Amino acid sequence: MEDDELLDSELLEQTVLDLIKQGKRNFSIDLSGLDYIYSDSMNKLLGLNRKVLDVNGRLSLLSPTDEVRQIIERAGIHNFIKIFDDEQELA
C-alpha cells in the first residue's frame, strides 16, 4: 500500500466475504501502510468482525502505526478486535 492510499473498506469487506465463502475463518489485516484510519473504516472493521465471529472465526489487526493504534484504541475497537504488533505474535 502506498503512503497516500486509504483503506478501501468496501474492497476489504468483499474480499473477506469471498474468503469466508471459500471456507476461510481467520483473518489478519495488515495496517502498517496506513497513516490514519477514518471512522467509516473502523465501523466496517467492526461489521466484518461480527461476520467473522458468526462463522466461528477470528479477525485481528496487524502492525498499526502508533497514530493508527491510538485512533483505534480511542474508539474502543481494541476491545473487540485483537491488535498484534507483528506476525510472530499471531502464532
PDB file of N, CA and C in Angstrom:
ATOM      1  N   MET A   1       0.835  -1.172   0.000  1.00  0.00           N
ATOM      2  CA  MET A   1       0.000   0.000   0.000  1.00  0.00           C
ATOM      3  C   MET A   1       0.884   1.241   0.000  1.00  0.00           C
ATOM      4  N   GLU A   2       0.568   2.151  -0.863  1.00  0.00           N
ATOM      5  CA  GLU A   2       1.320   3.400  -0.940  1.00  0.00           C
ATOM      6  C   GLU A   2       0.977   4.283   0.256  1.00  0.00           C
ATOM      7  N   ASP A   3       1.895   5.174   0.617  1.00  0.00           N
ATOM      8  CA  ASP A   3       1.691   6.037   1.778  1.00  0.00           C
ATOM      9  C   ASP A   3       0.418   6.876   1.674  1.00  0.00           C
ATOM     10  N   ASP A   4       0.064   7.273   0.441  1.00  0.00           N
ATOM     11  CA  ASP A   4      -1.095   8.141   0.306  1.00  0.00           C
ATOM     12  C   ASP A   4      -2.389   7.369   0.055  1.00  0.00           C
ATOM     13  N   GLU A   5      -2.339   6.050   0.114  1.00  0.00           N
ATOM     14  CA  GLU A   5      -3.542   5.247  -0.101  1.00  0.00           C
ATOM     15  C   GLU A   5      -4.375   5.180   1.174  1.00  0.00           C
ATOM     16  N   LEU A   6      -5.657   4.988   0.972  1.00  0.00           N
ATOM     17  CA  LEU A   6      -6.589   4.831   2.077  1.00  0.00           C
ATOM     18  C   LEU A   6      -7.018   3.375   2.160  1.00  0.00           C
ATOM     19  N   LEU A   7      -7.510   2.989   3.302  1.00  0.00           N
ATOM     20  CA  LEU A   7      -8.077   1.662   3.453  1.00  0.00           C
ATOM     21  C   LEU A   7      -9.372   1.615   2.656  1.00  0.00           C
ATOM     22  N   ASP A   8      -9.433   0.742   1.659  1.00  0.00           N
ATOM     23  CA  ASP A   8     -10.637   0.572   0.852  1.00  0.00           C
ATOM     24  C   ASP A   8     -11.520  -0.430   1.576  1.00  0.00           C
ATOM     25  N   SER A   9     -12.383   0.073   2.443  1.00  0.00           N
ATOM     26  CA  SER A   9     -13.174  -0.803   3.304  1.00  0.00           C
ATOM     27  C   SER A   9     -14.181  -1.633   2.516  1.00  0.00           C
ATOM     28  N   GLU A  10     -14.672  -1.113   1.404  1.00  0.00           N
ATOM     29  CA  GLU A  10     -15.615  -1.882   0.582  1.00  0.00           C
ATOM     30  C   GLU A  10     -14.913  -3.078  -0.048  1.00  0.00           C
ATOM     31  N   LEU A  11     -13.720  -2.844  -0.590  1.00  0.00           N
ATOM     32  CA  LEU A  11     -12.941  -3.937  -1.180  1.00  0.00           C
ATOM     33  C   LEU A  11     -12.547  -4.950  -0.110  1.00  0.00           C
ATOM     34  N   LEU A  12     -12.150  -4.461   1.046  1.00  0.00           N
ATOM     35  CA  LEU A  12     -11.790  -5.347   2.144  1.00  0.00           C
ATOM     36  C   LEU A  12     -12.967  -6.236   2.531  1.00  0.00           C
ATOM     37  N   GLU A  13     -14.135  -5.634   2.676  1.00  0.00           N
ATOM     38  CA  GLU A  13     -15.311  -6.413   3.048  1.00  0.00           C
ATOM     39  C   GLU A  13     -15.619  -7.485   2.003  1.00  0.00           C
ATOM     40  N   GLN A  14     -15.595  -7.116   0.741  1.00  0.00           N
ATOM     41  CA  GLN A  14     -15.902  -8.084  -0.311  1.00  0.00           C
ATOM     42  C   GLN A  14     -14.883  -9.216  -0.332  1.00  0.00           C
ATOM     43  N   THR A  15     -13.616  -8.882  -0.138  1.00  0.00           N
ATOM     44  CA  THR A  15     -12.559  -9.898  -0.129  1.00  0.00           C
ATOM     45  C   THR A  15     -12.757 -10.869   1.028  1.00  0.00           C
ATOM     46  N   VAL A  16     -13.019 -10.349   2.214  1.00  0.00           N
ATOM     47  CA  VAL A  16     -13.228 -11.218   3.386  1.00  0.00           C
ATOM     48  C   VAL A  16     -14.464 -12.092   3.186  1.00  0.00           C
ATOM     49  N   LEU A  17     -15.543 -11.518   2.691  1.00  0.00           N
ATOM     50  CA  LEU A  17     -16.761 -12.307   2.468  1.00  0.00           C
ATOM     51  C   LEU A  17     -16.534 -13.401   1.433  1.00  0.00           C
ATOM     52  N   ASP A  18     -15.775 -13.094   0.383  1.00  0.00           N
ATOM     53  CA  ASP A  18     -15.437 -14.115  -0.611  1.00  0.00           C
ATOM     54  C   ASP A  18     -14.605 -15.232   0.009  1.00  0.00           C
ATOM     55  N   LEU A  19     -13.666 -14.866   0.857  1.00  0.00           N
ATOM     56  CA  LEU A  19     -12.822 -15.870   1.515  1.00  0.00           C
ATOM     57  C   LEU A  19     -13.626 -16.715   2.502  1.00  0.00           C
ATOM     58  N   ILE A  20     -14.591 -16.116   3.175  1.00  0.00           N
ATOM     59  CA  ILE A  20     -15.469 -16.878   4.072  1.00  0.00           C
ATOM     60  C   ILE A  20     -16.238 -17.921   3.264  1.00  0.00           C
ATOM     61  N   LYS A  21     -16.739 -17.530   2.092  1.00  0.00           N
ATOM     62  CA  LYS A  21     -17.454 -18.472   1.227  1.00  0.00           C
ATOM     63  C   LYS A  21     -16.567 -19.634   0.796  1.00  0.00           C
ATOM     64  N   GLN A  22     -15.253 -19.384   0.726  1.00  0.00           N
ATOM     65  CA  GLN A  22     -14.294 -20.424   0.360  1.00  0.00           C
ATOM     66  C   GLN A  22     -13.882 -21.264   1.568  1.00  0.00           C
ATOM     67  N   GLY A  23     -14.424 -20.957   2.735  1.00  0.00           N
ATOM     68  CA  GLY A  23     -14.134 -21.745   3.923  1.00  0.00           C
ATOM     69  C   GLY A  23     -13.088 -21.170   4.854  1.00  0.00           C
ATOM     70  N   LYS A  24     -12.554 -20.020   4.535  1.00  0.00           N
ATOM     71  CA  LYS A  24     -11.568 -19.385   5.416  1.00  0.00           C
ATOM     72  C   LYS A  24     -12.284 -18.811   6.629  1.00  0.00           C
ATOM     73  N   ARG A  25     -11.604 -18.827   7.772  1.00  0.00           N
ATOM     74  CA  ARG A  25     -12.253 -18.371   9.005  1.00  0.00           C
ATOM     75  C   ARG A  25     -11.452 -17.340   9.791  1.00  0.00           C
ATOM     76  N   ASN A  26     -10.144 -17.325   9.642  1.00  0.00           N
ATOM     77  CA  ASN A  26      -9.297 -16.439  10.432  1.00  0.00           C
ATOM     78  C   ASN A  26      -8.607 -15.431   9.519  1.00  0.00           C
ATOM     79  N   PHE A  27      -8.668 -14.159   9.924  1.00  0.00           N
ATOM     80  CA  PHE A  27      -8.154 -13.091   9.093  1.00  0.00           C
ATOM     81  C   PHE A  27      -7.330 -12.119   9.925  1.00  0.00           C
ATOM     82  N   SER A  28      -6.233 -11.683   9.358  1.00  0.00           N
ATOM     83  CA  SER A  28      -5.406 -10.653   9.965  1.00  0.00           C
ATOM     84  C   SER A  28      -5.223  -9.552   8.932  1.00  0.00           C
ATOM     85  N   ILE A  29      -5.562  -8.343   9.299  1.00  0.00           N
ATOM     86  CA  ILE A  29      -5.488  -7.213   8.376  1.00  0.00           C
ATOM     87  C   ILE A  29      -4.273  -6.369   8.736  1.00  0.00           C
ATOM     88  N   ASP A  30      -3.348  -6.274   7.795  1.00  0.00           N
ATOM     89  CA  ASP A  30      -2.111  -5.526   7.993  1.00  0.00           C
ATOM     90  C   ASP A  30      -2.390  -4.034   7.804  1.00  0.00           C
ATOM     91  N   LEU A  31      -2.218  -3.282   8.872  1.00  0.00           N
ATOM     92  CA  LEU A  31      -2.472  -1.841   8.838  1.00  0.00           C
ATOM     93  C   LEU A  31      -1.187  -1.016   8.767  1.00  0.00           C
ATOM     94  N   SER A  32      -0.053  -1.671   8.568  1.00  0.00           N
ATOM     95  CA  SER A  32       1.228  -0.968   8.625  1.00  0.00           C
ATOM     96  C   SER A  32       1.355   0.145   7.588  1.00  0.00           C
ATOM     97  N   GLY A  33       0.616   0.073   6.484  1.00  0.00           N
ATOM     98  CA  GLY A  33       0.709   1.095   5.450  1.00  0.00           C
ATOM     99  C   GLY A  33      -0.180   2.296   5.668  1.00  0.00           C
ATOM    100  N   LEU A  34      -0.968   2.277   6.736  1.00  0.00           N
ATOM    101  CA  LEU A  34      -1.891   3.386   6.984  1.00  0.00           C
ATOM    102  C   LEU A  34      -1.283   4.419   7.928  1.00  0.00           C
ATOM    103  N   ASP A  35      -1.451   5.683   7.568  1.00  0.00           N
ATOM    104  CA  ASP A  35      -1.051   6.773   8.460  1.00  0.00           C
ATOM    105  C   ASP A  35      -2.226   7.243   9.303  1.00  0.00           C
ATOM    106  N   TYR A  36      -3.456   6.914   8.851  1.00  0.00           N
ATOM    107  CA  TYR A  36      -4.667   7.373   9.524  1.00  0.00           C
ATOM    108  C   TYR A  36      -5.777   6.393   9.185  1.00  0.00           C
ATOM    109  N   ILE A  37      -6.755   6.261  10.071  1.00  0.00           N
ATOM    110  CA  ILE A  37      -7.917   5.418   9.789  1.00  0.00           C
ATOM    111  C   ILE A  37      -9.176   6.213  10.135  1.00  0.00           C
ATOM    112  N   TYR A  38     -10.107   6.232   9.203  1.00  0.00           N
ATOM    113  CA  TYR A  38     -11.339   7.003   9.366  1.00  0.00           C
ATOM    114  C   TYR A  38     -12.417   6.178  10.055  1.00  0.00           C
ATOM    115  N   SER A  39     -13.394   6.870  10.593  1.00  0.00           N
ATOM    116  CA  SER A  39     -14.454   6.204  11.342  1.00  0.00           C
ATOM    117  C   SER A  39     -15.243   5.220  10.489  1.00  0.00           C
ATOM    118  N   ASP A  40     -15.471   5.520   9.216  1.00  0.00           N
ATOM    119  CA  ASP A  40     -16.209   4.582   8.376  1.00  0.00           C
ATOM    120  C   ASP A  40     -15.440   3.276   8.199  1.00  0.00           C
ATOM    121  N   SER A  41     -14.118   3.362   8.141  1.00  0.00           N
ATOM    122  CA  SER A  41     -13.305   2.146   8.049  1.00  0.00           C
ATOM    123  C   SER A  41     -13.347   1.354   9.354  1.00  0.00           C
ATOM    124  N   MET A  42     -13.344   2.066  10.470  1.00  0.00           N
ATOM    125  CA  MET A  42     -13.435   1.365  11.757  1.00  0.00           C
ATOM    126  C   MET A  42     -14.801   0.700  11.910  1.00  0.00           C
ATOM    127  N   ASN A  43     -15.862   1.366  11.468  1.00  0.00           N
ATOM    128  CA  ASN A  43     -17.189   0.753  11.503  1.00  0.00           C
ATOM    129  C   ASN A  43     -17.238  -0.486  10.627  1.00  0.00           C
ATOM    130  N   LYS A  44     -16.586  -0.425   9.473  1.00  0.00           N
ATOM    131  CA  LYS A  44     -16.542  -1.576   8.574  1.00  0.00           C
ATOM    132  C   LYS A  44     -15.786  -2.734   9.237  1.00  0.00           C
ATOM    133  N   LEU A  45     -14.696  -2.426   9.945  1.00  0.00           N
ATOM    134  CA  LEU A  45     -13.948  -3.468  10.654  1.00  0.00           C
ATOM    135  C   LEU A  45     -14.815  -4.137  11.714  1.00  0.00           C
ATOM    136  N   LEU A  46     -15.588  -3.339  12.437  1.00  0.00           N
ATOM    137  CA  LEU A  46     -16.476  -3.916  13.452  1.00  0.00           C
ATOM    138  C   LEU A  46     -17.544  -4.807  12.812  1.00  0.00           C
ATOM    139  N   GLY A  47     -18.093  -4.369  11.689  1.00  0.00           N
ATOM    140  CA  GLY A  47     -19.065  -5.181  10.974  1.00  0.00           C
ATOM    141  C   GLY A  47     -18.466  -6.467  10.455  1.00  0.00           C
ATOM    142  N   LEU A  48     -17.255  -6.373   9.926  1.00  0.00           N
ATOM    143  CA  LEU A  48     -16.558  -7.575   9.458  1.00  0.00           C
ATOM    144  C   LEU A  48     -16.270  -8.521  10.617  1.00  0.00           C
ATOM    145  N   ASN A  49     -15.903  -7.946  11.740  1.00  0.00           N
ATOM    146  CA  ASN A  49     -15.631  -8.777  12.907  1.00  0.00           C
ATOM    147  C   ASN A  49     -16.866  -9.591  13.290  1.00  0.00           C
ATOM    148  N   ARG A  50     -18.036  -8.974  13.257  1.00  0.00           N
ATOM    149  CA  ARG A  50     -19.277  -9.708  13.553  1.00  0.00           C
ATOM    150  C   ARG A  50     -19.499 -10.851  12.565  1.00  0.00           C
ATOM    151  N   LYS A  51     -19.254 -10.570  11.286  1.00  0.00           N
ATOM    152  CA  LYS A  51     -19.449 -11.602  10.262  1.00  0.00           C
ATOM    153  C   LYS A  51     -18.466 -12.748  10.438  1.00  0.00           C
ATOM    154  N   VAL A  52     -17.235 -12.430  10.793  1.00  0.00           N
ATOM    155  CA  VAL A  52     -16.222 -13.467  11.015  1.00  0.00           C
ATOM    156  C   VAL A  52     -16.564 -14.274  12.271  1.00  0.00           C
ATOM    157  N   LEU A  53     -16.995 -13.608  13.323  1.00  0.00           N
ATOM    158  CA  LEU A  53     -17.395 -14.317  14.540  1.00  0.00           C
ATOM    159  C   LEU A  53     -18.591 -15.230  14.285  1.00  0.00           C
ATOM    160  N   ASP A  54     -19.489 -14.820  13.389  1.00  0.00           N
ATOM    161  CA  ASP A  54     -20.659 -15.640  13.058  1.00  0.00           C
ATOM    162  C   ASP A  54     -20.287 -16.986  12.449  1.00  0.00           C
ATOM    163  N   VAL A  55     -19.093 -17.058  11.855  1.00  0.00           N
ATOM    164  CA  VAL A  55     -18.637 -18.340  11.283  1.00  0.00           C
ATOM    165  C   VAL A  55     -17.537 -18.959  12.161  1.00  0.00           C
ATOM    166  N   ASN A  56     -17.520 -18.553  13.431  1.00  0.00           N
ATOM    167  CA  ASN A  56     -16.547 -19.063  14.403  1.00  0.00           C
ATOM    168  C   ASN A  56     -15.109 -18.785  14.001  1.00  0.00           C
ATOM    169  N   GLY A  57     -14.886 -17.616  13.419  1.00  0.00           N
ATOM    170  CA  GLY A  57     -13.546 -17.225  13.019  1.00  0.00           C
ATOM    171  C   GLY A  57     -12.999 -16.133  13.913  1.00  0.00           C
ATOM    172  N   ARG A  58     -11.857 -15.596  13.487  1.00  0.00           N
ATOM    173  CA  ARG A  58     -11.203 -14.534  14.254  1.00  0.00           C
ATOM    174  C   ARG A  58     -10.648 -13.484  13.296  1.00  0.00           C
ATOM    175  N   LEU A  59     -10.924 -12.244  13.590  1.00  0.00           N
ATOM    176  CA  LEU A  59     -10.375 -11.114  12.844  1.00  0.00           C
ATOM    177  C   LEU A  59      -9.400 -10.403  13.769  1.00  0.00           C
ATOM    178  N   SER A  60      -8.212 -10.112  13.264  1.00  0.00           N
ATOM    179  CA  SER A  60      -7.235  -9.377  14.062  1.00  0.00           C
ATOM    180  C   SER A  60      -6.590  -8.305  13.191  1.00  0.00           C
ATOM    181  N   LEU A  61      -6.006  -7.328  13.849  1.00  0.00           N
ATOM    182  CA  LEU A  61      -5.321  -6.231  13.179  1.00  0.00           C
ATOM    183  C   LEU A  61      -3.832  -6.367  13.432  1.00  0.00           C
ATOM    184  N   LEU A  62      -3.044  -6.096  12.407  1.00  0.00           N
ATOM    185  CA  LEU A  62      -1.609  -6.334  12.475  1.00  0.00           C
ATOM    186  C   LEU A  62      -0.833  -5.051  12.173  1.00  0.00           C
ATOM    187  N   SER A  63       0.150  -4.782  12.989  1.00  0.00           N
ATOM    188  CA  SER A  63       1.160  -3.744  12.767  1.00  0.00           C
ATOM    189  C   SER A  63       0.639  -2.334  12.493  1.00  0.00           C
ATOM    190  N   PRO A  64      -0.320  -1.853  13.282  1.00  0.00           N
ATOM    191  CA  PRO A  64      -0.730  -0.465  13.050  1.00  0.00           C
ATOM    192  C   PRO A  64       0.378   0.497  13.471  1.00  0.00           C
ATOM    193  N   THR A  65       0.445   1.632  12.799  1.00  0.00           N
ATOM    194  CA  THR A  65       1.384   2.670  13.228  1.00  0.00           C
ATOM    195  C   THR A  65       0.924   3.187  14.592  1.00  0.00           C
ATOM    196  N   ASP A  66       1.769   3.925  15.254  1.00  0.00           N
ATOM    197  CA  ASP A  66       1.399   4.467  16.564  1.00  0.00           C
ATOM    198  C   ASP A  66       0.147   5.325  16.484  1.00  0.00           C
ATOM    199  N   GLU A  67       0.066   6.165  15.458  1.00  0.00           N
ATOM    200  CA  GLU A  67      -1.100   7.050  15.326  1.00  0.00           C
ATOM    201  C   GLU A  67      -2.376   6.250  15.081  1.00  0.00           C
ATOM    202  N   VAL A  68      -2.302   5.265  14.186  1.00  0.00           N
ATOM    203  CA  VAL A  68      -3.479   4.443  13.896  1.00  0.00           C
ATOM    204  C   VAL A  68      -3.881   3.646  15.134  1.00  0.00           C
ATOM    205  N   ARG A  69      -2.910   3.110  15.864  1.00  0.00           N
ATOM    206  CA  ARG A  69      -3.219   2.377  17.099  1.00  0.00           C
ATOM    207  C   ARG A  69      -3.935   3.282  18.098  1.00  0.00           C
ATOM    208  N   GLN A  70      -3.473   4.527  18.243  1.00  0.00           N
ATOM    209  CA  GLN A  70      -4.116   5.462  19.169  1.00  0.00           C
ATOM    210  C   GLN A  70      -5.556   5.737  18.767  1.00  0.00           C
ATOM    211  N   ILE A  71      -5.790   5.911  17.473  1.00  0.00           N
ATOM    212  CA  ILE A  71      -7.143   6.161  16.983  1.00  0.00           C
ATOM    213  C   ILE A  71      -8.039   4.964  17.270  1.00  0.00           C
ATOM    214  N   ILE A  72      -7.542   3.778  16.987  1.00  0.00           N
ATOM    215  CA  ILE A  72      -8.295   2.541  17.213  1.00  0.00           C
ATOM    216  C   ILE A  72      -8.607   2.376  18.696  1.00  0.00           C
ATOM    217  N   GLU A  73      -7.631   2.643  19.537  1.00  0.00           N
ATOM    218  CA  GLU A  73      -7.834   2.487  20.976  1.00  0.00           C
ATOM    219  C   GLU A  73      -8.793   3.548  21.527  1.00  0.00           C
ATOM    220  N   ARG A  74      -8.689   4.775  21.037  1.00  0.00           N
ATOM    221  CA  ARG A  74      -9.624   5.817  21.478  1.00  0.00           C
ATOM    222  C   ARG A  74     -11.063   5.471  21.113  1.00  0.00           C
ATOM    223  N   ALA A  75     -11.219   4.805  19.977  1.00  0.00           N
ATOM    224  CA  ALA A  75     -12.553   4.401  19.526  1.00  0.00           C
ATOM    225  C   ALA A  75     -13.036   3.124  20.221  1.00  0.00           C
ATOM    226  N   GLY A  76     -12.146   2.450  20.934  1.00  0.00           N
ATOM    227  CA  GLY A  76     -12.518   1.237  21.655  1.00  0.00           C
ATOM    228  C   GLY A  76     -12.538  -0.026  20.807  1.00  0.00           C
ATOM    229  N   ILE A  77     -12.044   0.061  19.584  1.00  0.00           N
ATOM    230  CA  ILE A  77     -12.037  -1.098  18.679  1.00  0.00           C
ATOM    231  C   ILE A  77     -11.220  -2.244  19.267  1.00  0.00           C
ATOM    232  N   HIS A  78     -10.151  -1.908  19.979  1.00  0.00           N
ATOM    233  CA  HIS A  78      -9.279  -2.941  20.539  1.00  0.00           C
ATOM    234  C   HIS A  78     -10.008  -3.813  21.577  1.00  0.00           C
ATOM    235  N   ASN A  79     -11.163  -3.371  22.045  1.00  0.00           N
ATOM    236  CA  ASN A  79     -11.952  -4.188  22.965  1.00  0.00           C
ATOM    237  C   ASN A  79     -12.682  -5.316  22.244  1.00  0.00           C
ATOM    238  N   PHE A  80     -12.768  -5.220  20.928  1.00  0.00           N
ATOM    239  CA  PHE A  80     -13.495  -6.203  20.130  1.00  0.00           C
ATOM    240  C   PHE A  80     -12.599  -6.963  19.162  1.00  0.00           C
ATOM    241  N   ILE A  81     -11.552  -6.303  18.684  1.00  0.00           N
ATOM    242  CA  ILE A  81     -10.646  -6.905  17.716  1.00  0.00           C
ATOM    243  C   ILE A  81      -9.234  -6.830  18.275  1.00  0.00           C
ATOM    244  N   LYS A  82      -8.574  -7.972  18.373  1.00  0.00           N
ATOM    245  CA  LYS A  82      -7.226  -8.022  18.934  1.00  0.00           C
ATOM    246  C   LYS A  82      -6.229  -7.384  17.973  1.00  0.00           C
ATOM    247  N   ILE A  83      -5.280  -6.639  18.538  1.00  0.00           N
ATOM    248  CA  ILE A  83      -4.226  -5.978  17.766  1.00  0.00           C
ATOM    249  C   ILE A  83      -2.899  -6.661  18.063  1.00  0.00           C
ATOM    250  N   PHE A  84      -2.172  -6.999  17.005  1.00  0.00           N
ATOM    251  CA  PHE A  84      -0.850  -7.606  17.133  1.00  0.00           C
ATOM    252  C   PHE A  84       0.191  -6.675  16.537  1.00  0.00           C
ATOM    253  N   ASP A  85       1.352  -6.592  17.194  1.00  0.00           N
ATOM    254  CA  ASP A  85       2.417  -5.732  16.698  1.00  0.00           C
ATOM    255  C   ASP A  85       3.118  -6.315  15.482  1.00  0.00           C
ATOM    256  N   ASP A  86       3.217  -7.646  15.423  1.00  0.00           N
ATOM    257  CA  ASP A  86       3.881  -8.288  14.290  1.00  0.00           C
ATOM    258  C   ASP A  86       3.335  -9.706  14.097  1.00  0.00           C
ATOM    259  N   GLU A  87       3.769 -10.348  13.013  1.00  0.00           N
ATOM    260  CA  GLU A  87       3.240 -11.666  12.660  1.00  0.00           C
ATOM    261  C   GLU A  87       3.616 -12.747  13.672  1.00  0.00           C
ATOM    262  N   GLN A  88       4.743 -12.601  14.348  1.00  0.00           N
ATOM    263  CA  GLN A  88       5.131 -13.605  15.345  1.00  0.00           C
ATOM    264  C   GLN A  88       4.128 -13.696  16.476  1.00  0.00           C
ATOM    265  N   GLU A  89       3.523 -12.579  16.834  1.00  0.00           N
ATOM    266  CA  GLU A  89       2.518 -12.579  17.906  1.00  0.00           C
ATOM    267  C   GLU A  89       1.265 -13.352  17.513  1.00  0.00           C
ATOM    268  N   LEU A  90       1.013 -13.492  16.214  1.00  0.00           N
ATOM    269  CA  LEU A  90      -0.170 -14.191  15.746  1.00  0.00           C
ATOM    270  C   LEU A  90      -0.116 -15.687  16.045  1.00  0.00           C
ATOM    271  N   ALA A  91       1.086 -16.219  16.078  1.00  0.00           N
ATOM    272  CA  ALA A  91       1.248 -17.682  16.223  1.00  0.00           C
ATOM    273  C   ALA A  91       0.807 -18.220  17.546  1.00  0.00           C
TER     274      ALA A  91
END
